Amino acid sequence: MIQCYYTKETLGIVAKSGRYRAIGCGSVWWGLPVLLFTIELIRNPGFLFRNALFLLIWCIGWFGISYLFHWLLCNIEKTTLQHAGDEITLDDNEIRLVKSDGTQITLPRQGLTIRSPYYACGNQIFKIRNSRFTSSPEIVLTSDMENAKELVETIQPGSWDEGE
Protein backbone atom coordinates (compact mmCIF):
# COMPACT_ATOMS: atom_id res chain seq x y z
CA MET A 1 0.00 0.00 0.00
CA ILE A 2 1.33 3.45 -0.96
CA GLN A 3 -0.36 6.55 0.42
CA CYS A 4 0.21 10.06 -0.93
CA TYR A 5 -0.63 13.31 0.84
CA TYR A 6 0.67 16.86 1.23
CA THR A 7 2.38 17.96 4.42
CA LYS A 8 1.67 21.40 5.91
CA GLU A 9 5.29 22.41 5.28
CA THR A 10 5.00 21.51 1.59
CA LEU A 11 1.79 23.49 1.19
CA GLY A 12 3.40 26.48 2.93
CA ILE A 13 6.36 26.37 0.57
CA VAL A 14 4.10 26.03 -2.49
CA ALA A 15 1.86 28.89 -1.36
CA LYS A 16 4.83 31.26 -0.96
CA SER A 17 6.92 30.12 -3.93
CA GLY A 18 5.29 32.45 -6.47
CA ARG A 19 6.16 35.46 -4.35
CA TYR A 20 9.75 34.30 -3.88
CA ARG A 21 10.12 33.60 -7.58
CA ALA A 22 8.76 37.04 -8.50
CA ILE A 23 11.16 38.78 -6.13
CA GLY A 24 14.29 36.71 -6.72
CA CYS A 25 14.19 35.50 -10.29
CA GLY A 26 12.33 38.53 -11.57
CA SER A 27 14.96 40.86 -10.15
CA VAL A 28 17.80 38.98 -11.80
CA TRP A 29 15.89 38.10 -15.00
CA TRP A 30 14.94 41.74 -15.67
CA GLY A 31 17.52 43.62 -13.58
CA LEU A 32 20.64 42.33 -15.29
CA PRO A 33 19.54 43.22 -18.87
CA VAL A 34 18.36 46.65 -17.72
CA LEU A 35 21.72 47.24 -16.00
CA LEU A 36 23.63 46.18 -19.13
CA PHE A 37 21.36 48.31 -21.34
CA THR A 38 21.84 51.35 -19.07
CA ILE A 39 25.65 50.96 -19.09
CA GLU A 40 25.64 50.67 -22.90
CA LEU A 41 23.34 53.70 -23.19
CA ILE A 42 25.70 55.78 -21.03
CA ARG A 43 28.74 54.69 -23.05
CA ASN A 44 27.04 55.07 -26.43
CA PRO A 45 23.99 57.43 -26.41
CA GLY A 46 23.04 56.63 -30.03
CA PHE A 47 22.70 52.92 -29.20
CA LEU A 48 18.95 53.16 -28.58
CA PHE A 49 18.07 54.68 -31.96
CA ARG A 50 20.32 52.45 -34.07
CA ASN A 51 19.11 49.23 -32.47
CA ALA A 52 15.46 50.04 -31.63
CA LEU A 53 13.94 47.21 -33.67
CA PHE A 54 16.40 44.64 -32.33
CA LEU A 55 15.74 45.77 -28.74
CA LEU A 56 11.97 45.61 -29.24
CA ILE A 57 12.12 42.06 -30.61
CA TRP A 58 14.54 41.02 -27.86
CA CYS A 59 12.27 42.46 -25.12
CA ILE A 60 9.20 40.69 -26.51
CA GLY A 61 11.07 37.37 -26.67
CA TRP A 62 12.57 37.85 -23.20
CA PHE A 63 9.14 38.64 -21.77
CA GLY A 64 7.53 35.68 -23.59
CA ILE A 65 10.05 33.16 -22.26
CA SER A 66 9.71 34.43 -18.70
CA TYR A 67 5.91 34.47 -18.91
CA LEU A 68 5.75 30.90 -20.26
CA PHE A 69 8.03 29.57 -17.53
CA HIS A 70 6.12 31.48 -14.84
CA TRP A 71 2.78 30.22 -16.22
CA LEU A 72 3.95 26.59 -16.08
CA LEU A 73 5.06 26.94 -12.46
CA CYS A 74 1.86 28.78 -11.47
CA ASN A 75 -0.24 25.98 -13.00
CA ILE A 76 1.64 23.37 -10.97
CA GLU A 77 1.28 25.42 -7.78
CA LYS A 78 -2.44 26.01 -8.40
CA THR A 79 -3.01 22.29 -8.92
CA THR A 80 -1.10 21.45 -5.74
CA LEU A 81 -3.14 23.88 -3.65
CA GLN A 82 -6.41 22.81 -5.30
CA HIS A 83 -5.81 19.18 -4.27
CA ALA A 84 -4.34 20.03 -0.87
CA GLY A 85 -6.78 17.91 1.15
CA ASP A 86 -6.74 14.90 -1.18
CA GLU A 87 -5.28 11.53 -0.20
CA ILE A 88 -4.35 8.87 -2.74
CA THR A 89 -3.92 5.22 -1.77
CA LEU A 90 -2.62 2.52 -4.08
CA ASP A 91 -3.48 -1.03 -2.98
CA ASP A 92 -2.85 -4.34 -4.72
CA ASN A 93 -6.14 -4.22 -6.61
CA GLU A 94 -7.13 -0.54 -6.84
CA ILE A 95 -6.16 3.09 -6.56
CA ARG A 96 -8.40 5.27 -4.42
CA LEU A 97 -8.61 9.05 -4.19
CA VAL A 98 -10.37 10.55 -1.20
CA LYS A 99 -10.94 14.26 -1.83
CA SER A 100 -11.04 16.90 0.86
CA ASP A 101 -14.85 17.17 0.51
CA GLY A 102 -15.23 13.44 1.25
CA THR A 103 -15.97 12.19 -2.28
CA GLN A 104 -14.06 9.16 -3.51
CA ILE A 105 -12.78 7.92 -6.83
CA THR A 106 -11.78 4.27 -7.07
CA LEU A 107 -10.15 2.77 -10.16
CA PRO A 108 -8.95 -0.80 -10.73
CA ARG A 109 -5.18 -1.05 -10.80
CA GLN A 110 -5.08 -3.02 -14.04
CA GLY A 111 -4.92 -0.63 -17.00
CA LEU A 112 -3.77 2.49 -15.12
CA THR A 113 -1.86 4.99 -17.24
CA ILE A 114 -0.10 8.19 -16.26
CA ARG A 115 0.17 11.34 -18.34
CA SER A 116 2.42 14.21 -17.32
CA PRO A 117 1.42 17.33 -19.29
CA TYR A 118 3.42 19.89 -17.26
CA TYR A 119 7.05 19.86 -16.18
CA ALA A 120 8.90 22.93 -14.96
CA CYS A 121 11.90 23.34 -12.68
CA GLY A 122 11.70 19.81 -11.27
CA ASN A 123 7.95 19.99 -10.56
CA GLN A 124 5.38 17.94 -12.41
CA ILE A 125 1.65 17.31 -12.64
CA PHE A 126 0.56 13.71 -13.12
CA LYS A 127 -2.88 12.66 -14.37
CA ILE A 128 -3.73 9.05 -13.60
CA ARG A 129 -6.62 7.32 -15.33
CA ASN A 130 -7.68 3.85 -16.31
CA SER A 131 -7.32 3.24 -20.04
CA ARG A 132 -9.90 0.43 -19.97
CA PHE A 133 -12.75 2.88 -19.39
CA THR A 134 -13.31 5.66 -21.90
CA SER A 135 -14.98 8.00 -19.45
CA SER A 136 -12.91 7.21 -16.36
CA PRO A 137 -12.23 10.13 -14.03
CA GLU A 138 -8.67 11.36 -13.63
CA ILE A 139 -6.71 11.38 -10.41
CA VAL A 140 -4.42 14.42 -10.34
CA LEU A 141 -1.29 14.67 -8.21
CA THR A 142 1.85 16.77 -8.30
CA SER A 143 5.44 15.91 -7.54
CA ASP A 144 5.11 17.88 -4.27
CA MET A 145 3.12 15.03 -2.70
CA GLU A 146 4.83 12.76 -0.21
CA ASN A 147 5.51 9.34 -1.79
CA ALA A 148 4.50 10.63 -5.26
CA LYS A 149 7.61 9.22 -6.94
CA GLU A 150 7.05 5.78 -5.42
CA LEU A 151 3.40 5.79 -6.54
CA VAL A 152 4.16 6.96 -10.09
CA GLU A 153 7.01 4.48 -10.58
CA THR A 154 4.88 1.63 -9.22
CA ILE A 155 2.05 2.33 -11.67
CA GLN A 156 4.15 3.10 -14.75
CA PRO A 157 7.94 2.68 -14.44
CA GLY A 158 9.90 5.46 -16.12
CA SER A 159 7.14 8.08 -15.80
CA TRP A 160 8.99 10.14 -13.18
CA ASP A 161 11.18 12.72 -14.92
CA GLU A 162 14.34 13.73 -13.07
CA GLY A 163 14.99 16.58 -15.50
CA GLU A 164 18.26 15.22 -16.79
C-alpha atoms as a PDB file:
ATOM      1  CA  MET A   1       0.000   0.000   0.000  1.00  0.00           C
ATOM      2  CA  ILE A   2       1.328   3.451  -0.961  1.00  0.00           C
ATOM      3  CA  GLN A   3      -0.361   6.546   0.416  1.00  0.00           C
ATOM      4  CA  CYS A   4       0.205  10.056  -0.934  1.00  0.00           C
ATOM      5  CA  TYR A   5      -0.630  13.313   0.842  1.00  0.00           C
ATOM      6  CA  TYR A   6       0.670  16.861   1.228  1.00  0.00           C
ATOM      7  CA  THR A   7       2.378  17.955   4.425  1.00  0.00           C
ATOM      8  CA  LYS A   8       1.672  21.396   5.909  1.00  0.00           C
ATOM      9  CA  GLU A   9       5.289  22.407   5.278  1.00  0.00           C
ATOM     10  CA  THR A  10       4.998  21.507   1.590  1.00  0.00           C
ATOM     11  CA  LEU A  11       1.785  23.491   1.195  1.00  0.00           C
ATOM     12  CA  GLY A  12       3.397  26.483   2.932  1.00  0.00           C
ATOM     13  CA  ILE A  13       6.357  26.374   0.575  1.00  0.00           C
ATOM     14  CA  VAL A  14       4.102  26.033  -2.488  1.00  0.00           C
ATOM     15  CA  ALA A  15       1.861  28.895  -1.356  1.00  0.00           C
ATOM     16  CA  LYS A  16       4.832  31.261  -0.962  1.00  0.00           C
ATOM     17  CA  SER A  17       6.922  30.120  -3.926  1.00  0.00           C
ATOM     18  CA  GLY A  18       5.292  32.450  -6.474  1.00  0.00           C
ATOM     19  CA  ARG A  19       6.155  35.462  -4.351  1.00  0.00           C
ATOM     20  CA  TYR A  20       9.749  34.304  -3.875  1.00  0.00           C
ATOM     21  CA  ARG A  21      10.115  33.603  -7.582  1.00  0.00           C
ATOM     22  CA  ALA A  22       8.760  37.044  -8.501  1.00  0.00           C
ATOM     23  CA  ILE A  23      11.156  38.781  -6.126  1.00  0.00           C
ATOM     24  CA  GLY A  24      14.292  36.708  -6.715  1.00  0.00           C
ATOM     25  CA  CYS A  25      14.195  35.499 -10.287  1.00  0.00           C
ATOM     26  CA  GLY A  26      12.327  38.531 -11.568  1.00  0.00           C
ATOM     27  CA  SER A  27      14.957  40.858 -10.150  1.00  0.00           C
ATOM     28  CA  VAL A  28      17.796  38.977 -11.802  1.00  0.00           C
ATOM     29  CA  TRP A  29      15.893  38.096 -15.004  1.00  0.00           C
ATOM     30  CA  TRP A  30      14.942  41.735 -15.669  1.00  0.00           C
ATOM     31  CA  GLY A  31      17.518  43.618 -13.578  1.00  0.00           C
ATOM     32  CA  LEU A  32      20.641  42.332 -15.294  1.00  0.00           C
ATOM     33  CA  PRO A  33      19.537  43.217 -18.867  1.00  0.00           C
ATOM     34  CA  VAL A  34      18.357  46.650 -17.718  1.00  0.00           C
ATOM     35  CA  LEU A  35      21.718  47.240 -16.005  1.00  0.00           C
ATOM     36  CA  LEU A  36      23.626  46.183 -19.134  1.00  0.00           C
ATOM     37  CA  PHE A  37      21.358  48.310 -21.335  1.00  0.00           C
ATOM     38  CA  THR A  38      21.842  51.347 -19.074  1.00  0.00           C
ATOM     39  CA  ILE A  39      25.648  50.962 -19.094  1.00  0.00           C
ATOM     40  CA  GLU A  40      25.644  50.669 -22.900  1.00  0.00           C
ATOM     41  CA  LEU A  41      23.337  53.699 -23.188  1.00  0.00           C
ATOM     42  CA  ILE A  42      25.703  55.782 -21.031  1.00  0.00           C
ATOM     43  CA  ARG A  43      28.743  54.688 -23.049  1.00  0.00           C
ATOM     44  CA  ASN A  44      27.038  55.066 -26.431  1.00  0.00           C
ATOM     45  CA  PRO A  45      23.994  57.434 -26.410  1.00  0.00           C
ATOM     46  CA  GLY A  46      23.043  56.633 -30.029  1.00  0.00           C
ATOM     47  CA  PHE A  47      22.700  52.919 -29.196  1.00  0.00           C
ATOM     48  CA  LEU A  48      18.950  53.160 -28.580  1.00  0.00           C
ATOM     49  CA  PHE A  49      18.071  54.681 -31.964  1.00  0.00           C
ATOM     50  CA  ARG A  50      20.319  52.447 -34.070  1.00  0.00           C
ATOM     51  CA  ASN A  51      19.106  49.225 -32.467  1.00  0.00           C
ATOM     52  CA  ALA A  52      15.463  50.043 -31.632  1.00  0.00           C
ATOM     53  CA  LEU A  53      13.936  47.208 -33.675  1.00  0.00           C
ATOM     54  CA  PHE A  54      16.397  44.643 -32.326  1.00  0.00           C
ATOM     55  CA  LEU A  55      15.742  45.771 -28.742  1.00  0.00           C
ATOM     56  CA  LEU A  56      11.969  45.610 -29.235  1.00  0.00           C
ATOM     57  CA  ILE A  57      12.125  42.060 -30.610  1.00  0.00           C
ATOM     58  CA  TRP A  58      14.538  41.021 -27.863  1.00  0.00           C
ATOM     59  CA  CYS A  59      12.267  42.464 -25.116  1.00  0.00           C
ATOM     60  CA  ILE A  60       9.200  40.687 -26.510  1.00  0.00           C
ATOM     61  CA  GLY A  61      11.068  37.369 -26.665  1.00  0.00           C
ATOM     62  CA  TRP A  62      12.572  37.851 -23.196  1.00  0.00           C
ATOM     63  CA  PHE A  63       9.136  38.642 -21.768  1.00  0.00           C
ATOM     64  CA  GLY A  64       7.532  35.685 -23.586  1.00  0.00           C
ATOM     65  CA  ILE A  65      10.046  33.163 -22.260  1.00  0.00           C
ATOM     66  CA  SER A  66       9.714  34.431 -18.700  1.00  0.00           C
ATOM     67  CA  TYR A  67       5.914  34.472 -18.909  1.00  0.00           C
ATOM     68  CA  LEU A  68       5.749  30.900 -20.264  1.00  0.00           C
ATOM     69  CA  PHE A  69       8.028  29.566 -17.531  1.00  0.00           C
ATOM     70  CA  HIS A  70       6.118  31.479 -14.844  1.00  0.00           C
ATOM     71  CA  TRP A  71       2.779  30.220 -16.218  1.00  0.00           C
ATOM     72  CA  LEU A  72       3.955  26.592 -16.081  1.00  0.00           C
ATOM     73  CA  LEU A  73       5.059  26.940 -12.463  1.00  0.00           C
ATOM     74  CA  CYS A  74       1.858  28.777 -11.471  1.00  0.00           C
ATOM     75  CA  ASN A  75      -0.235  25.984 -13.004  1.00  0.00           C
ATOM     76  CA  ILE A  76       1.641  23.368 -10.970  1.00  0.00           C
ATOM     77  CA  GLU A  77       1.279  25.424  -7.778  1.00  0.00           C
ATOM     78  CA  LYS A  78      -2.437  26.013  -8.401  1.00  0.00           C
ATOM     79  CA  THR A  79      -3.006  22.286  -8.924  1.00  0.00           C
ATOM     80  CA  THR A  80      -1.097  21.445  -5.743  1.00  0.00           C
ATOM     81  CA  LEU A  81      -3.138  23.880  -3.646  1.00  0.00           C
ATOM     82  CA  GLN A  82      -6.408  22.811  -5.302  1.00  0.00           C
ATOM     83  CA  HIS A  83      -5.809  19.182  -4.267  1.00  0.00           C
ATOM     84  CA  ALA A  84      -4.337  20.026  -0.866  1.00  0.00           C
ATOM     85  CA  GLY A  85      -6.782  17.912   1.145  1.00  0.00           C
ATOM     86  CA  ASP A  86      -6.735  14.903  -1.176  1.00  0.00           C
ATOM     87  CA  GLU A  87      -5.277  11.534  -0.204  1.00  0.00           C
ATOM     88  CA  ILE A  88      -4.349   8.871  -2.740  1.00  0.00           C
ATOM     89  CA  THR A  89      -3.922   5.218  -1.768  1.00  0.00           C
ATOM     90  CA  LEU A  90      -2.621   2.522  -4.081  1.00  0.00           C
ATOM     91  CA  ASP A  91      -3.481  -1.026  -2.978  1.00  0.00           C
ATOM     92  CA  ASP A  92      -2.849  -4.339  -4.722  1.00  0.00           C
ATOM     93  CA  ASN A  93      -6.142  -4.215  -6.614  1.00  0.00           C
ATOM     94  CA  GLU A  94      -7.132  -0.543  -6.840  1.00  0.00           C
ATOM     95  CA  ILE A  95      -6.160   3.089  -6.561  1.00  0.00           C
ATOM     96  CA  ARG A  96      -8.398   5.267  -4.418  1.00  0.00           C
ATOM     97  CA  LEU A  97      -8.606   9.051  -4.189  1.00  0.00           C
ATOM     98  CA  VAL A  98     -10.367  10.555  -1.196  1.00  0.00           C
ATOM     99  CA  LYS A  99     -10.938  14.263  -1.832  1.00  0.00           C
ATOM    100  CA  SER A 100     -11.042  16.896   0.860  1.00  0.00           C
ATOM    101  CA  ASP A 101     -14.845  17.170   0.515  1.00  0.00           C
ATOM    102  CA  GLY A 102     -15.234  13.438   1.247  1.00  0.00           C
ATOM    103  CA  THR A 103     -15.972  12.193  -2.280  1.00  0.00           C
ATOM    104  CA  GLN A 104     -14.058   9.164  -3.511  1.00  0.00           C
ATOM    105  CA  ILE A 105     -12.775   7.919  -6.833  1.00  0.00           C
ATOM    106  CA  THR A 106     -11.778   4.265  -7.071  1.00  0.00           C
ATOM    107  CA  LEU A 107     -10.147   2.770 -10.158  1.00  0.00           C
ATOM    108  CA  PRO A 108      -8.954  -0.800 -10.727  1.00  0.00           C
ATOM    109  CA  ARG A 109      -5.176  -1.047 -10.800  1.00  0.00           C
ATOM    110  CA  GLN A 110      -5.081  -3.023 -14.043  1.00  0.00           C
ATOM    111  CA  GLY A 111      -4.923  -0.633 -17.002  1.00  0.00           C
ATOM    112  CA  LEU A 112      -3.773   2.485 -15.124  1.00  0.00           C
ATOM    113  CA  THR A 113      -1.861   4.991 -17.239  1.00  0.00           C
ATOM    114  CA  ILE A 114      -0.097   8.189 -16.256  1.00  0.00           C
ATOM    115  CA  ARG A 115       0.174  11.336 -18.343  1.00  0.00           C
ATOM    116  CA  SER A 116       2.416  14.210 -17.321  1.00  0.00           C
ATOM    117  CA  PRO A 117       1.419  17.331 -19.290  1.00  0.00           C
ATOM    118  CA  TYR A 118       3.420  19.893 -17.258  1.00  0.00           C
ATOM    119  CA  TYR A 119       7.054  19.856 -16.181  1.00  0.00           C
ATOM    120  CA  ALA A 120       8.904  22.932 -14.957  1.00  0.00           C
ATOM    121  CA  CYS A 121      11.900  23.340 -12.682  1.00  0.00           C
ATOM    122  CA  GLY A 122      11.701  19.806 -11.272  1.00  0.00           C
ATOM    123  CA  ASN A 123       7.953  19.991 -10.563  1.00  0.00           C
ATOM    124  CA  GLN A 124       5.377  17.939 -12.405  1.00  0.00           C
ATOM    125  CA  ILE A 125       1.645  17.314 -12.637  1.00  0.00           C
ATOM    126  CA  PHE A 126       0.556  13.708 -13.123  1.00  0.00           C
ATOM    127  CA  LYS A 127      -2.880  12.664 -14.373  1.00  0.00           C
ATOM    128  CA  ILE A 128      -3.728   9.050 -13.595  1.00  0.00           C
ATOM    129  CA  ARG A 129      -6.620   7.321 -15.331  1.00  0.00           C
ATOM    130  CA  ASN A 130      -7.682   3.847 -16.308  1.00  0.00           C
ATOM    131  CA  SER A 131      -7.322   3.235 -20.041  1.00  0.00           C
ATOM    132  CA  ARG A 132      -9.898   0.431 -19.974  1.00  0.00           C
ATOM    133  CA  PHE A 133     -12.750   2.880 -19.391  1.00  0.00           C
ATOM    134  CA  THR A 134     -13.310   5.657 -21.902  1.00  0.00           C
ATOM    135  CA  SER A 135     -14.977   7.998 -19.445  1.00  0.00           C
ATOM    136  CA  SER A 136     -12.913   7.206 -16.365  1.00  0.00           C
ATOM    137  CA  PRO A 137     -12.235  10.128 -14.034  1.00  0.00           C
ATOM    138  CA  GLU A 138      -8.668  11.358 -13.634  1.00  0.00           C
ATOM    139  CA  ILE A 139      -6.711  11.385 -10.406  1.00  0.00           C
ATOM    140  CA  VAL A 140      -4.422  14.419 -10.336  1.00  0.00           C
ATOM    141  CA  LEU A 141      -1.288  14.671  -8.214  1.00  0.00           C
ATOM    142  CA  THR A 142       1.851  16.769  -8.301  1.00  0.00           C
ATOM    143  CA  SER A 143       5.442  15.913  -7.545  1.00  0.00           C
ATOM    144  CA  ASP A 144       5.111  17.884  -4.271  1.00  0.00           C
ATOM    145  CA  MET A 145       3.122  15.026  -2.701  1.00  0.00           C
ATOM    146  CA  GLU A 146       4.827  12.763  -0.211  1.00  0.00           C
ATOM    147  CA  ASN A 147       5.513   9.340  -1.793  1.00  0.00           C
ATOM    148  CA  ALA A 148       4.504  10.635  -5.261  1.00  0.00           C
ATOM    149  CA  LYS A 149       7.611   9.219  -6.937  1.00  0.00           C
ATOM    150  CA  GLU A 150       7.052   5.781  -5.423  1.00  0.00           C
ATOM    151  CA  LEU A 151       3.403   5.793  -6.541  1.00  0.00           C
ATOM    152  CA  VAL A 152       4.159   6.956 -10.090  1.00  0.00           C
ATOM    153  CA  GLU A 153       7.008   4.484 -10.583  1.00  0.00           C
ATOM    154  CA  THR A 154       4.883   1.626  -9.220  1.00  0.00           C
ATOM    155  CA  ILE A 155       2.050   2.329 -11.669  1.00  0.00           C
ATOM    156  CA  GLN A 156       4.148   3.101 -14.754  1.00  0.00           C
ATOM    157  CA  PRO A 157       7.939   2.678 -14.444  1.00  0.00           C
ATOM    158  CA  GLY A 158       9.900   5.455 -16.121  1.00  0.00           C
ATOM    159  CA  SER A 159       7.143   8.083 -15.796  1.00  0.00           C
ATOM    160  CA  TRP A 160       8.991  10.141 -13.183  1.00  0.00           C
ATOM    161  CA  ASP A 161      11.183  12.717 -14.922  1.00  0.00           C
ATOM    162  CA  GLU A 162      14.341  13.726 -13.067  1.00  0.00           C
ATOM    163  CA  GLY A 163      14.985  16.578 -15.502  1.00  0.00           C
ATOM    164  CA  GLU A 164      18.262  15.225 -16.786  1.00  0.00           C
END
